[in-house]
Amino acid sequence: MKSSVRRLIALFLSLGLCVPAMSLADLTVEEAVPSLPAESTGVRVKPQVKLISSGNPISAEFFCADPTAVEYNGRLYVYGTNDHQQYVEKGANAENTYERIKSFVIFSTDDMVNWIYHGQISTSLIAPWIIASWAPSVISRVEDDGLTHFYLYFSNSGNGIGVLTATDPLGPWTDPLGHALITPQTPGLTNCPQPFDPGAVIDENGVGWLSLGGGVAPNGTDEMPGTARIVRLGNDLLSFDSEFAEIPAPYFFEASELNVIGDTYVYTYCTNWKERAAWDRDFPLPTTACMAYMTTKTPLDPESWVYRGECFKNPGMSGFEYSNNHTHMHKFNGQWYMIYHTMALKKLMYIQGGYRSLCVDPIEVDEVTATITPTGGTQRGIVNSIAPVDAMQEQNAALRFNAAGLRSFGLGGPYSLEAGAWFAVRQVAFPEDAPAAMLARVKGKGIIEVHTDALNGEIVARLAFDKGCVVRAETLAEVTGLHDLYFVFSDNNIQIDAWQFVTK
């Protein structure tokens, strides 16, 4: 560290002030303010909402739905419809009618177990012409300026599709068109009364594609509504380079999604709630409101699409409440996952409003034949990390597996709403040389106890503070190997932004 920075830190300490906020890695142990002496708080922890040993839903705090995802710099960024906005504005027991939703939520992970909530994309501020914003679909590519550009397509209520762009997965986002990309009046969509729920993909040739649709065509039937569409995007990804073509999707309802596996285009969608009639197809009749899929090698040829069957059950068939669904299929670090929504969090909170929550489970995909093994969601979800959290590196305190009694804004770590609030980080890796201390950037006045493996587990560190600063706490127990960490707050309105263990 530069000597001038060291002198500034020394000045703060000599005045009894806290070290200014900076990277924990820029501090030596001696420069962090020692934690205040403190006995165990003995605070009664807030009861769990999300089951303590379950990965689903991925957030115990936010209602969200209709997932999409993109990988960037080793992290998977997941975007969803912000049901929480409707929940806040309408109330816990109001019907979720979606009209207040004018933003998206963002989560990210690098291990599919611990997730960071990054806040919201305020669509109504970026694109004030919208009616509402639902069901995003995100793609990215490196462009001539050397930057990765992100394109976030979304449903403008049920009245069309808009698009936002950015050069970072967290934004800032802009409205490149100043109006909708697609409306019911767009040429070629005469028989598609609800051109919404976009599903975007870029194929191996760098060509962009967009699927969409909803409603029933004038000549449509329950078995063949006739409103699923696909179009080839222009090179700017903001225009069209083909006519709109029909995807003849049986019992089509909504939730269009596209993937490309090798040279095969895979279209997934949610089937409708209509009664099924017997048919003579090679695959079984799709069940009500399940996710089904079709494949082709020539997307603009309706006759080339082959119905392949179901790929994901309705949540009600997997131990959740029955509801619609909207899935995103994604390959990350060599494993395929299905990201989807359920009513799990709403049920755990004992509320009546139909607010949805994001879940994720691994799935099996045969990439040679583009075959998806039919499966369904689980309440357990993913609990084993594919990349354990490094205890000796600075960690964003927004990273967590589970939590209760906290509030997050996406601009830092969590605030406690009451004494006994807590959050958990799953599978934290400690070296054989056990750490001697813990550093943390904190705010407020109180104590944060760090337990291993359970809410009442052994206390490895006790952070005590009475102002916002970087504090250092001696470890109270030797800890090596792999452990879950539980951070328990003694009071309301205290915050932790970052944490890290050190060996000296």
Protein backbone atom coordinates (compact mmCIF):
# COMPACT_ATOMS: atom_id res chain seq x y z
CA MET A 1 0.00 0.00 0.00
CA LYS A 2 1.27 3.49 -0.77
CA SER A 3 2.74 5.35 2.20
CA SER A 4 0.28 8.25 1.76
CA VAL A 5 -2.63 5.87 2.18
CA ARG A 6 -0.99 4.36 5.27
CA ARG A 7 -0.57 7.84 6.77
CA LEU A 8 -4.25 8.61 6.10
CA ILE A 9 -5.30 5.41 7.85
CA ALA A 10 -3.02 6.22 10.78
CA LEU A 11 -4.64 9.67 11.04
CA PHE A 12 -8.12 8.19 11.19
CA LEU A 13 -7.05 5.76 13.91
CA SER A 14 -5.31 8.49 15.95
CA LEU A 15 -8.55 10.50 15.92
CA GLY A 16 -10.58 7.52 17.06
CA LEU A 17 -12.29 7.29 13.70
CA CYS A 18 -12.93 4.24 11.55
CA VAL A 19 -10.90 3.31 8.53
CA PRO A 20 -12.54 4.73 5.38
CA ALA A 21 -14.32 2.22 3.16
CA MET A 22 -11.86 0.53 0.81
CA SER A 23 -10.99 -2.94 -0.35
CA LEU A 24 -10.26 -5.21 2.58
CA ALA A 25 -7.30 -6.51 0.62
CA ASP A 26 -5.75 -3.00 0.84
CA LEU A 27 -5.62 -3.24 4.63
CA THR A 28 -3.18 -5.02 6.84
CA VAL A 29 -4.56 -6.57 9.99
CA GLU A 30 -2.98 -3.82 12.08
CA GLU A 31 -4.78 -1.11 10.13
CA ALA A 32 -8.28 -2.46 10.73
CA VAL A 33 -10.03 -1.17 13.84
CA PRO A 34 -10.09 -3.94 16.48
CA SER A 35 -13.53 -5.29 17.26
CA LEU A 36 -14.97 -4.05 20.54
CA PRO A 37 -14.94 -6.51 23.44
CA ALA A 38 -18.27 -8.31 23.50
CA GLU A 39 -19.97 -11.26 25.08
CA SER A 40 -22.35 -13.44 23.12
CA THR A 41 -25.61 -11.62 22.50
CA GLY A 42 -27.78 -14.65 23.20
CA VAL A 43 -30.25 -13.11 20.77
CA ARG A 44 -33.20 -15.19 19.65
CA VAL A 45 -32.75 -15.73 15.92
CA LYS A 46 -35.55 -14.91 13.52
CA PRO A 47 -37.34 -18.05 12.32
CA GLN A 48 -36.48 -19.25 8.84
CA VAL A 49 -38.78 -18.61 5.91
CA LYS A 50 -36.93 -20.59 3.29
CA LEU A 51 -36.14 -24.07 4.61
CA ILE A 52 -32.67 -23.87 6.06
CA SER A 53 -31.26 -26.84 4.13
CA SER A 54 -32.94 -26.07 0.78
CA GLY A 55 -31.59 -24.30 -2.27
CA ASN A 56 -35.06 -23.39 -3.57
CA PRO A 57 -36.21 -20.75 -3.89
CA ILE A 58 -32.90 -19.03 -4.57
CA SER A 59 -34.00 -15.96 -2.56
CA ALA A 60 -35.75 -15.93 0.80
CA GLU A 61 -36.45 -12.21 0.41
CA PHE A 62 -37.69 -11.38 -3.08
CA PHE A 63 -40.61 -12.49 -5.22
CA CYS A 64 -39.61 -12.81 -8.86
CA ALA A 65 -40.53 -14.89 -11.92
CA ASP A 66 -39.97 -15.56 -15.65
CA PRO A 67 -36.18 -16.07 -15.48
CA THR A 68 -33.56 -15.51 -18.13
CA ALA A 69 -29.78 -15.69 -17.76
CA VAL A 70 -26.46 -14.79 -19.34
CA GLU A 71 -22.90 -15.77 -18.42
CA TYR A 72 -20.23 -13.09 -18.02
CA ASN A 73 -16.73 -13.33 -16.54
CA GLY A 74 -17.46 -16.64 -14.83
CA ARG A 75 -20.73 -15.58 -13.23
CA LEU A 76 -24.27 -16.43 -14.22
CA TYR A 77 -26.54 -13.37 -14.16
CA VAL A 78 -30.24 -14.15 -13.77
CA TYR A 79 -32.96 -11.57 -14.50
CA GLY A 80 -36.62 -11.94 -13.63
CA THR A 81 -40.02 -10.26 -13.54
CA ASN A 82 -40.19 -8.22 -10.33
CA ASP A 83 -43.23 -9.70 -8.58
CA HIS A 84 -41.89 -8.06 -5.42
CA GLN A 85 -42.87 -4.66 -6.80
CA GLN A 86 -46.47 -5.84 -7.09
CA TYR A 87 -46.23 -7.35 -3.59
CA VAL A 88 -45.01 -4.09 -2.05
CA GLU A 89 -47.57 -1.91 -3.83
CA LYS A 90 -50.63 -4.19 -3.59
CA GLY A 91 -50.08 -6.10 -0.34
CA ALA A 92 -49.32 -9.64 0.78
CA ASN A 93 -52.78 -11.08 0.21
CA ALA A 94 -53.77 -9.24 -2.96
CA GLU A 95 -54.12 -11.13 -6.20
CA ASN A 96 -51.01 -10.80 -8.33
CA THR A 97 -52.36 -9.12 -11.44
CA TYR A 98 -48.91 -7.94 -12.61
CA GLU A 99 -49.92 -4.42 -13.71
CA ARG A 100 -47.69 -2.68 -11.13
CA ILE A 101 -44.58 -4.52 -12.30
CA LYS A 102 -42.32 -2.05 -14.12
CA SER A 103 -38.88 -3.32 -13.21
CA PHE A 104 -36.68 -6.41 -13.23
CA VAL A 105 -34.56 -7.99 -10.52
CA ILE A 106 -30.97 -9.21 -10.98
CA PHE A 107 -29.22 -12.07 -9.19
CA SER A 108 -25.86 -13.64 -9.91
CA THR A 109 -23.90 -16.71 -8.85
CA ASP A 110 -20.68 -18.50 -9.64
CA ASP A 111 -21.51 -21.71 -7.75
CA MET A 112 -25.30 -22.17 -8.29
CA VAL A 113 -25.76 -22.23 -4.50
CA ASN A 114 -24.90 -18.79 -3.10
CA TRP A 115 -26.53 -15.83 -4.85
CA ILE A 116 -25.96 -12.06 -4.88
CA TYR A 117 -28.99 -9.80 -5.22
CA HIS A 118 -27.86 -6.84 -7.33
CA GLY A 119 -31.03 -4.75 -7.19
CA GLN A 120 -33.49 -3.70 -9.86
CA ILE A 121 -33.63 -2.41 -13.40
CA SER A 122 -36.24 0.37 -13.28
CA THR A 123 -37.77 -0.11 -16.70
CA SER A 124 -40.33 2.66 -16.27
CA LEU A 125 -37.54 5.23 -15.77
CA ILE A 126 -35.46 3.98 -18.68
CA ALA A 127 -38.38 3.51 -21.08
CA PRO A 128 -41.29 5.62 -19.77
CA TRP A 129 -43.53 4.57 -22.66
CA ILE A 130 -44.01 1.05 -21.24
CA ILE A 131 -47.28 -0.27 -19.84
CA ALA A 132 -45.54 -2.88 -17.67
CA SER A 133 -42.40 -4.99 -18.00
CA TRP A 134 -42.48 -8.77 -17.71
CA ALA A 135 -40.64 -11.89 -18.84
CA PRO A 136 -37.16 -10.69 -19.91
CA SER A 137 -34.85 -12.59 -22.26
CA VAL A 138 -31.17 -11.61 -22.38
CA ILE A 139 -28.40 -12.30 -24.90
CA SER A 140 -24.89 -10.89 -25.26
CA ARG A 141 -22.04 -10.65 -27.76
CA VAL A 142 -18.67 -8.94 -28.11
CA GLU A 143 -18.92 -6.15 -30.67
CA ASP A 144 -16.48 -4.08 -32.75
CA ASP A 145 -15.67 -1.75 -29.85
CA GLY A 146 -14.29 -4.72 -27.93
CA LEU A 147 -17.05 -4.52 -25.31
CA THR A 148 -19.62 -7.13 -24.47
CA HIS A 149 -23.06 -5.76 -25.33
CA PHE A 150 -26.18 -7.06 -23.59
CA TYR A 151 -29.66 -7.03 -25.13
CA LEU A 152 -32.58 -7.47 -22.74
CA TYR A 153 -35.88 -8.10 -24.56
CA PHE A 154 -39.05 -7.93 -22.47
CA SER A 155 -42.84 -8.09 -22.61
CA ASN A 156 -44.52 -4.68 -22.62
CA SER A 157 -47.43 -6.12 -20.65
CA GLY A 158 -49.24 -8.33 -23.19
CA ASN A 159 -48.99 -5.66 -25.88
CA GLY A 160 -45.63 -6.26 -27.48
CA ILE A 161 -41.91 -6.39 -26.82
CA GLY A 162 -39.33 -3.78 -25.89
CA VAL A 163 -35.56 -3.99 -25.62
CA LEU A 164 -32.92 -2.46 -23.34
CA THR A 165 -29.17 -2.48 -23.94
CA ALA A 166 -26.04 -2.20 -21.78
CA THR A 167 -22.31 -2.95 -21.85
CA ASP A 168 -22.31 -4.50 -18.39
CA PRO A 169 -24.75 -7.09 -16.99
CA LEU A 170 -25.57 -4.69 -14.16
CA GLY A 171 -26.06 -1.70 -16.45
CA PRO A 172 -26.55 1.15 -16.78
CA TRP A 173 -29.30 0.16 -19.19
CA THR A 174 -30.59 2.34 -22.01
CA ASP A 175 -33.59 2.31 -24.36
CA PRO A 176 -31.99 2.30 -27.84
CA LEU A 177 -35.25 2.60 -29.80
CA GLY A 178 -37.35 4.91 -27.66
CA HIS A 179 -40.38 2.76 -28.44
CA ALA A 180 -41.46 -0.88 -28.64
CA LEU A 181 -39.63 -3.28 -30.94
CA ILE A 182 -42.83 -5.27 -31.52
CA THR A 183 -46.53 -4.39 -31.18
CA PRO A 184 -49.71 -6.23 -32.23
CA GLN A 185 -49.64 -3.99 -35.34
CA THR A 186 -46.17 -5.11 -36.43
CA PRO A 187 -46.42 -6.44 -40.04
CA GLY A 188 -46.65 -10.22 -40.05
CA LEU A 189 -48.32 -10.51 -36.63
CA THR A 190 -51.94 -10.08 -37.71
CA ASN A 191 -52.90 -13.49 -36.33
CA CYS A 192 -50.87 -13.18 -33.13
CA PRO A 193 -53.05 -11.12 -30.75
CA GLN A 194 -50.52 -11.16 -27.86
CA PRO A 195 -46.96 -10.91 -29.25
CA PHE A 196 -45.20 -11.11 -25.90
CA ASP A 197 -42.89 -13.39 -23.84
CA PRO A 198 -39.76 -13.04 -25.97
CA GLY A 199 -37.19 -15.80 -26.14
CA ALA A 200 -33.90 -14.69 -27.72
CA VAL A 201 -30.77 -16.57 -28.74
CA ILE A 202 -27.64 -16.05 -30.83
CA ASP A 203 -26.65 -19.14 -32.79
CA GLU A 204 -23.16 -20.45 -33.52
CA ASN A 205 -23.02 -18.34 -36.68
CA GLY A 206 -23.63 -15.17 -34.71
CA VAL A 207 -27.19 -14.80 -35.99
CA GLY A 208 -29.82 -13.55 -33.55
CA TRP A 209 -33.29 -15.08 -33.29
CA LEU A 210 -36.41 -14.04 -31.39
CA SER A 211 -39.41 -16.19 -30.52
CA LEU A 212 -42.65 -14.87 -29.06
CA GLY A 213 -46.40 -15.24 -28.99
CA GLY A 214 -49.61 -15.60 -27.03
CA GLY A 215 -53.35 -15.89 -27.39
CA VAL A 216 -55.29 -17.86 -29.99
CA ALA A 217 -55.35 -17.07 -33.70
CA PRO A 218 -58.77 -16.41 -35.34
CA ASN A 219 -58.60 -19.84 -36.94
CA GLY A 220 -56.80 -21.47 -34.01
CA THR A 221 -57.93 -24.33 -31.79
CA ASP A 222 -57.18 -25.49 -28.25
CA GLU A 223 -54.80 -28.08 -29.65
CA MET A 224 -53.16 -25.73 -32.13
CA PRO A 225 -53.62 -22.07 -31.08
CA GLY A 226 -51.40 -20.97 -33.98
CA THR A 227 -49.73 -17.97 -32.33
CA ALA A 228 -46.14 -19.03 -31.60
CA ARG A 229 -43.75 -17.06 -33.83
CA ILE A 230 -40.05 -16.80 -34.66
CA VAL A 231 -38.10 -14.16 -36.56
CA ARG A 232 -34.45 -13.71 -37.54
CA LEU A 233 -33.02 -10.53 -36.08
CA GLY A 234 -31.01 -7.99 -38.03
CA ASN A 235 -27.29 -7.58 -37.41
CA ASP A 236 -28.01 -4.76 -34.96
CA LEU A 237 -30.29 -7.10 -32.96
CA LEU A 238 -32.80 -4.23 -32.96
CA SER A 239 -34.50 -4.96 -36.29
CA PHE A 240 -35.72 -7.93 -38.34
CA ASP A 241 -34.03 -9.78 -41.15
CA SER A 242 -36.88 -12.13 -42.08
CA GLU A 243 -40.63 -12.48 -42.08
CA PHE A 244 -42.28 -13.81 -38.93
CA ALA A 245 -42.77 -17.57 -39.22
CA GLU A 246 -45.09 -19.79 -37.22
CA ILE A 247 -43.85 -22.47 -34.85
CA PRO A 248 -46.68 -25.06 -34.89
CA ALA A 249 -46.61 -25.64 -31.13
CA PRO A 250 -49.35 -27.98 -29.81
CA TYR A 251 -51.40 -26.56 -26.93
CA PHE A 252 -49.26 -23.42 -26.96
CA PHE A 253 -49.95 -20.87 -24.22
CA GLU A 254 -46.95 -18.62 -23.44
CA ALA A 255 -43.32 -18.52 -22.16
CA SER A 256 -41.43 -18.83 -25.45
CA GLU A 257 -37.74 -19.63 -25.05
CA LEU A 258 -34.94 -20.49 -27.50
CA ASN A 259 -31.71 -22.44 -27.17
CA VAL A 260 -29.23 -23.69 -29.74
CA ILE A 261 -27.56 -27.06 -29.16
CA GLY A 262 -25.02 -27.75 -31.89
CA ASP A 263 -26.88 -27.07 -35.13
CA THR A 264 -30.30 -27.71 -33.58
CA TYR A 265 -32.67 -24.97 -32.47
CA VAL A 266 -34.64 -25.86 -29.35
CA TYR A 267 -37.91 -24.08 -28.60
CA THR A 268 -39.52 -24.49 -25.18
CA TYR A 269 -42.93 -23.14 -24.16
CA CYS A 270 -45.66 -23.45 -21.56
CA THR A 271 -48.71 -25.42 -22.70
CA ASN A 272 -52.22 -24.17 -22.01
CA TRP A 273 -54.83 -25.19 -19.44
CA LYS A 274 -57.34 -26.56 -21.96
CA GLU A 275 -58.70 -30.11 -21.87
CA ARG A 276 -56.64 -32.51 -23.93
CA ALA A 277 -57.99 -34.60 -26.76
CA ALA A 278 -56.41 -37.87 -27.91
CA TRP A 279 -53.94 -37.60 -30.76
CA ASP A 280 -51.91 -39.93 -32.94
CA ARG A 281 -48.50 -38.32 -32.49
CA ASP A 282 -45.35 -40.22 -31.59
CA PHE A 283 -45.06 -38.42 -28.25
CA PRO A 284 -47.53 -38.50 -25.36
CA LEU A 285 -50.08 -35.74 -25.04
CA PRO A 286 -48.63 -32.81 -23.01
CA THR A 287 -50.15 -32.38 -19.58
CA THR A 288 -51.82 -29.17 -18.53
CA ALA A 289 -49.53 -26.12 -18.22
CA CYS A 290 -46.30 -28.07 -18.48
CA MET A 291 -43.18 -27.05 -20.36
CA ALA A 292 -42.90 -28.75 -23.75
CA TYR A 293 -40.27 -28.48 -26.48
CA MET A 294 -39.76 -28.64 -30.22
CA THR A 295 -36.63 -28.79 -32.38
CA THR A 296 -35.54 -27.88 -35.90
CA LYS A 297 -32.47 -27.12 -37.99
CA THR A 298 -34.32 -24.56 -40.15
CA PRO A 299 -36.23 -22.21 -37.82
CA LEU A 300 -38.16 -20.28 -40.50
CA ASP A 301 -39.70 -23.43 -42.01
CA PRO A 302 -42.85 -24.24 -40.01
CA GLU A 303 -42.99 -27.79 -41.41
CA SER A 304 -39.49 -28.56 -40.11
CA TRP A 305 -40.35 -28.16 -36.44
CA VAL A 306 -40.72 -31.48 -34.59
CA TYR A 307 -42.70 -31.75 -31.36
CA ARG A 308 -40.48 -33.65 -28.88
CA GLY A 309 -42.71 -33.90 -25.80
CA GLU A 310 -42.65 -32.53 -22.29
CA CYS A 311 -39.43 -31.36 -20.69
CA PHE A 312 -40.51 -29.91 -17.33
CA LYS A 313 -43.56 -30.61 -15.18
CA ASN A 314 -46.04 -28.11 -13.85
CA PRO A 315 -44.90 -27.06 -10.34
CA GLY A 316 -48.04 -28.67 -8.91
CA MET A 317 -46.77 -32.06 -10.07
CA SER A 318 -43.49 -31.54 -8.19
CA GLY A 319 -44.73 -30.74 -4.70
CA PHE A 320 -45.40 -27.02 -5.21
CA GLU A 321 -48.70 -25.25 -5.87
CA TYR A 322 -50.15 -25.46 -9.37
CA SER A 323 -49.33 -22.37 -11.39
CA ASN A 324 -48.16 -21.24 -14.80
CA ASN A 325 -44.47 -21.52 -15.48
CA HIS A 326 -41.76 -19.81 -17.47
CA THR A 327 -38.40 -21.54 -17.71
CA HIS A 328 -34.92 -20.76 -18.91
CA MET A 329 -32.60 -23.61 -19.87
CA HIS A 330 -28.91 -22.80 -19.47
CA LYS A 331 -25.58 -24.62 -19.60
CA PHE A 332 -23.12 -23.31 -17.01
CA ASN A 333 -19.72 -24.84 -16.18
CA GLY A 334 -20.56 -27.97 -18.17
CA GLN A 335 -23.93 -28.68 -16.51
CA TRP A 336 -27.40 -27.92 -17.86
CA TYR A 337 -29.86 -26.23 -15.49
CA MET A 338 -33.53 -25.35 -15.61
CA ILE A 339 -34.35 -22.04 -13.97
CA TYR A 340 -38.08 -21.62 -13.30
CA HIS A 341 -40.60 -20.12 -10.91
CA THR A 342 -42.99 -21.51 -8.29
CA MET A 343 -45.19 -20.26 -5.44
CA ALA A 344 -42.72 -21.72 -2.90
CA LEU A 345 -41.81 -18.51 -1.05
CA LYS A 346 -45.40 -17.31 -0.90
CA LYS A 347 -46.42 -20.62 0.68
CA LEU A 348 -43.55 -20.53 3.18
CA MET A 349 -44.60 -17.00 4.20
CA TYR A 350 -48.25 -18.06 4.65
CA ILE A 351 -49.62 -15.34 2.42
CA GLN A 352 -52.43 -15.58 -0.11
CA GLY A 353 -51.20 -13.35 -2.93
CA GLY A 354 -50.01 -15.23 -6.02
CA TYR A 355 -46.43 -14.02 -5.89
CA ARG A 356 -43.81 -16.18 -7.57
CA SER A 357 -40.20 -17.02 -6.69
CA LEU A 358 -37.22 -18.24 -8.70
CA CYS A 359 -35.90 -21.80 -8.39
CA VAL A 360 -33.22 -23.83 -10.18
CA ASP A 361 -32.44 -27.53 -10.62
CA PRO A 362 -29.99 -29.49 -12.79
CA ILE A 363 -31.40 -31.26 -15.85
CA GLU A 364 -30.10 -33.85 -18.30
CA VAL A 365 -29.65 -32.88 -21.95
CA ASP A 366 -28.32 -35.18 -24.67
CA GLU A 367 -26.45 -32.69 -26.85
CA VAL A 368 -26.05 -35.17 -29.72
CA THR A 369 -29.79 -35.63 -30.21
CA ALA A 370 -30.94 -32.39 -28.49
CA THR A 371 -33.08 -34.49 -26.17
CA ILE A 372 -34.18 -33.10 -22.80
CA THR A 373 -34.93 -35.74 -20.16
CA PRO A 374 -38.37 -34.89 -18.72
CA THR A 375 -38.18 -33.87 -15.09
CA GLY A 376 -39.61 -31.41 -12.58
CA GLY A 377 -38.50 -28.99 -9.91
CA THR A 378 -37.54 -29.90 -6.36
CA GLN A 379 -37.92 -28.15 -3.05
CA ARG A 380 -34.35 -29.09 -2.11
CA GLY A 381 -32.83 -27.50 -5.21
CA ILE A 382 -29.04 -27.21 -5.42
CA VAL A 383 -27.16 -27.40 -2.13
CA ASN A 384 -23.71 -28.56 -3.21
CA SER A 385 -21.49 -25.81 -4.56
CA ILE A 386 -19.59 -26.26 -7.82
CA ALA A 387 -17.03 -23.69 -6.59
CA PRO A 388 -16.76 -23.27 -2.79
CA VAL A 389 -16.49 -19.72 -1.41
CA ASP A 390 -12.91 -18.77 -0.53
CA ALA A 391 -12.83 -17.59 3.09
CA MET A 392 -9.49 -15.86 2.53
CA GLN A 393 -10.73 -13.60 -0.29
CA GLU A 394 -12.93 -10.54 0.19
CA GLN A 395 -16.58 -11.53 -0.20
CA ASN A 396 -19.55 -9.33 -0.92
CA ALA A 397 -21.91 -9.71 2.04
CA ALA A 398 -24.83 -9.67 -0.40
CA LEU A 399 -23.72 -13.23 -1.25
CA ARG A 400 -25.94 -15.72 0.53
CA PHE A 401 -27.69 -19.06 0.45
CA ASN A 402 -30.43 -18.26 2.95
CA ALA A 403 -31.54 -15.37 5.15
CA ALA A 404 -34.23 -14.05 7.47
CA GLY A 405 -35.08 -10.60 8.83
CA LEU A 406 -32.93 -8.64 6.38
CA ARG A 407 -33.45 -5.90 3.83
CA SER A 408 -31.32 -5.53 0.72
CA PHE A 409 -31.20 -2.72 -1.81
CA GLY A 410 -28.62 -4.02 -4.24
CA LEU A 411 -26.16 -1.26 -3.29
CA GLY A 412 -24.26 -3.09 -0.57
CA GLY A 413 -24.65 -5.76 2.03
CA PRO A 414 -27.84 -6.51 3.96
CA TYR A 415 -29.38 -4.40 6.72
CA SER A 416 -30.97 -6.09 9.73
CA LEU A 417 -34.64 -5.27 10.25
CA GLU A 418 -34.67 -6.67 13.77
CA ALA A 419 -32.53 -8.37 16.38
CA GLY A 420 -31.93 -11.99 15.44
CA ALA A 421 -31.78 -11.40 11.70
CA TRP A 422 -29.29 -13.65 9.94
CA PHE A 423 -27.92 -14.85 6.65
CA ALA A 424 -26.03 -17.98 5.64
CA VAL A 425 -23.26 -18.61 3.13
CA ARG A 426 -22.94 -22.23 2.11
CA GLN A 427 -19.71 -24.20 1.71
CA VAL A 428 -16.99 -21.71 2.62
CA ALA A 429 -13.48 -23.12 2.18
CA PHE A 430 -10.84 -22.47 4.87
CA PRO A 431 -7.14 -23.38 4.43
CA GLU A 432 -5.23 -25.91 6.53
CA ASP A 433 -3.50 -22.97 8.19
CA ALA A 434 -6.47 -21.77 10.25
CA PRO A 435 -7.13 -18.01 10.04
CA ALA A 436 -6.27 -15.81 13.00
CA ALA A 437 -8.77 -13.03 12.45
CA MET A 438 -11.72 -11.81 10.44
CA LEU A 439 -12.04 -8.44 8.69
CA ALA A 440 -15.43 -6.92 7.87
CA ARG A 441 -16.80 -3.64 6.60
CA VAL A 442 -19.76 -2.78 8.85
CA LYS A 443 -22.15 0.08 9.65
CA GLY A 444 -24.27 0.94 12.65
CA LYS A 445 -23.92 -0.18 16.26
CA GLY A 446 -24.15 -3.75 17.40
CA ILE A 447 -22.68 -7.24 17.17
CA ILE A 448 -22.56 -9.74 14.34
CA GLU A 449 -21.73 -13.26 15.42
CA VAL A 450 -20.37 -15.69 12.82
CA HIS A 451 -21.30 -19.32 13.50
CA THR A 452 -20.17 -22.45 11.67
CA ASP A 453 -22.57 -25.00 10.18
CA ALA A 454 -25.73 -23.98 12.08
CA LEU A 455 -27.45 -20.95 13.55
CA ASN A 456 -26.43 -22.21 16.99
CA GLY A 457 -23.12 -23.61 15.79
CA GLU A 458 -19.66 -22.80 17.13
CA ILE A 459 -18.84 -19.09 17.04
CA VAL A 460 -15.78 -18.48 14.90
CA ALA A 461 -15.80 -14.66 15.12
CA ARG A 462 -17.66 -11.92 16.92
CA LEU A 463 -17.72 -8.50 15.24
CA ALA A 464 -18.63 -5.72 17.68
CA PHE A 465 -18.75 -2.07 16.57
CA ASP A 466 -20.36 1.28 17.27
CA LYS A 467 -19.86 3.11 13.98
CA GLY A 468 -19.33 2.38 10.31
CA CYS A 469 -15.82 1.07 9.73
CA VAL A 470 -13.59 -1.85 8.86
CA VAL A 471 -13.24 -3.96 11.98
CA ARG A 472 -10.94 -6.83 12.89
CA ALA A 473 -12.04 -9.64 15.19
CA GLU A 474 -9.81 -12.41 16.51
CA THR A 475 -11.09 -15.87 15.64
CA LEU A 476 -12.64 -17.61 18.63
CA ALA A 477 -12.27 -21.13 17.29
CA GLU A 478 -9.91 -22.89 14.94
CA VAL A 479 -11.64 -23.52 11.64
CA THR A 480 -10.29 -25.38 8.61
CA GLY A 481 -11.87 -27.20 5.70
CA LEU A 482 -15.38 -26.67 4.33
CA HIS A 483 -18.09 -25.02 6.46
CA ASP A 484 -21.35 -23.14 6.16
CA LEU A 485 -21.24 -19.71 7.85
CA TYR A 486 -24.17 -18.09 9.63
CA PHE A 487 -24.02 -14.33 10.32
CA VAL A 488 -26.37 -13.40 13.20
CA PHE A 489 -27.23 -9.73 13.92
CA SER A 490 -27.71 -8.49 17.51
CA ASP A 491 -29.81 -5.43 16.67
CA ASN A 492 -31.83 -3.79 13.94
CA ASN A 493 -30.36 -1.35 11.43
CA ILE A 494 -26.84 -2.71 11.34
CA GLN A 495 -25.12 -3.70 8.12
CA ILE A 496 -22.19 -5.71 6.80
CA ASP A 497 -20.91 -4.94 3.31
CA ALA A 498 -17.93 -7.28 2.98
CA TRP A 499 -15.99 -9.89 4.96
CA GLN A 500 -12.73 -11.84 4.74
CA PHE A 501 -10.61 -14.07 6.99
CA VAL A 502 -6.86 -13.50 7.37
CA THR A 503 -4.01 -15.63 8.68
CA LYS A 504 -2.27 -12.99 10.79
